């Protein structure tokens, strides 16, 4: 499950960088693949969304900081 966690984390980082680029430069990663309406771009966005859902439900059990019960 560590591999799945790391892939989901990497995909979330890409998604976060996409949001940063959109906010700062009004440019999306999906523009490289024909815009957000294109099937490839939509597939990428779906994968990023699924990674976020996966991390939402599994992060606490996968993260050493969260599972140790330590305080922030």
Protein backbone atom coordinates (compact mmCIF):
# COMPACT_ATOMS: atom_id res chain seq x y z
CA UNK A 1 0.00 0.00 0.00
CA UNK A 2 3.01 2.30 0.37
CA UNK A 3 3.36 2.47 -3.41
CA UNK A 4 -0.31 3.43 -3.85
CA UNK A 5 0.07 6.07 -1.13
CA UNK A 6 3.17 7.54 -2.79
CA UNK A 7 1.54 7.61 -6.23
CA UNK A 8 -1.57 9.29 -4.81
CA UNK A 9 0.62 11.83 -3.00
CA UNK A 10 2.58 12.58 -6.18
CA UNK A 11 -0.64 13.00 -8.16
CA UNK A 12 -1.95 15.39 -5.50
CA UNK A 13 1.25 17.44 -5.74
CA UNK A 14 0.76 17.70 -9.52
CA UNK A 15 -2.84 18.77 -8.90
CA UNK A 16 -1.72 21.37 -6.38
CA UNK A 17 0.85 22.75 -8.80
CA UNK A 18 -1.87 22.92 -11.44
CA UNK A 19 -4.04 25.01 -9.11
CA UNK A 20 -1.05 27.26 -8.35
CA UNK A 21 -0.38 27.77 -12.07
CA UNK A 22 -4.05 28.48 -12.66
CA UNK A 23 -4.20 31.02 -9.85
CA UNK A 24 -0.97 32.80 -10.70
CA UNK A 25 -0.81 32.57 -14.48
CA UNK A 26 -4.31 31.51 -15.59
CA UNK A 27 -2.73 28.42 -17.19
CA UNK A 28 -3.66 24.77 -16.64
CA UNK A 29 -1.71 21.56 -17.17
CA UNK A 30 -4.69 20.37 -19.21
CA UNK A 31 -3.87 23.01 -21.82
CA UNK A 32 -0.90 20.84 -22.84
CA UNK A 33 -3.35 18.11 -23.86
CA UNK A 34 -5.90 20.17 -25.77
CA UNK A 35 -7.71 22.05 -23.01
CA UNK A 36 -9.97 21.01 -20.17
CA UNK A 37 -12.72 19.75 -22.50
CA UNK A 38 -10.42 17.19 -24.18
CA UNK A 39 -10.72 13.55 -23.07
CA UNK A 40 -7.05 13.27 -22.05
CA UNK A 41 -7.28 16.35 -19.83
CA UNK A 42 -10.53 15.16 -18.28
CA UNK A 43 -8.92 11.78 -17.56
CA UNK A 44 -5.99 13.51 -15.84
CA UNK A 45 -8.37 15.60 -13.73
CA UNK A 46 -10.36 12.48 -12.78
CA UNK A 47 -7.17 10.69 -11.70
CA UNK A 48 -6.16 13.68 -9.57
CA UNK A 49 -9.63 13.76 -8.00
CA UNK A 50 -9.55 10.03 -7.25
CA UNK A 51 -6.11 10.44 -5.65
CA UNK A 52 -7.53 13.17 -3.43
CA UNK A 53 -10.45 10.96 -2.36
CA UNK A 54 -8.05 8.08 -1.66
CA UNK A 55 -5.79 10.30 0.48
CA UNK A 56 -8.79 11.77 2.28
CA UNK A 57 -9.83 8.34 3.53
CA UNK A 58 -6.42 6.71 4.04
CA UNK A 59 -4.04 9.50 4.99
CA UNK A 60 -4.25 9.14 8.75
CA UNK A 61 -3.38 5.44 8.66
CA UNK A 62 -0.55 5.98 6.13
CA UNK A 63 1.04 9.09 7.66
CA UNK A 64 3.51 8.65 10.52
CA UNK A 65 2.79 12.14 11.85
CA UNK A 66 -0.97 11.67 11.85
CA UNK A 67 -1.00 8.10 13.17
CA UNK A 68 1.43 8.83 16.03
CA UNK A 69 -1.09 11.12 17.69
CA UNK A 70 1.51 13.86 17.99
CA UNK A 71 0.48 17.46 18.22
CA UNK A 72 1.16 20.00 15.50
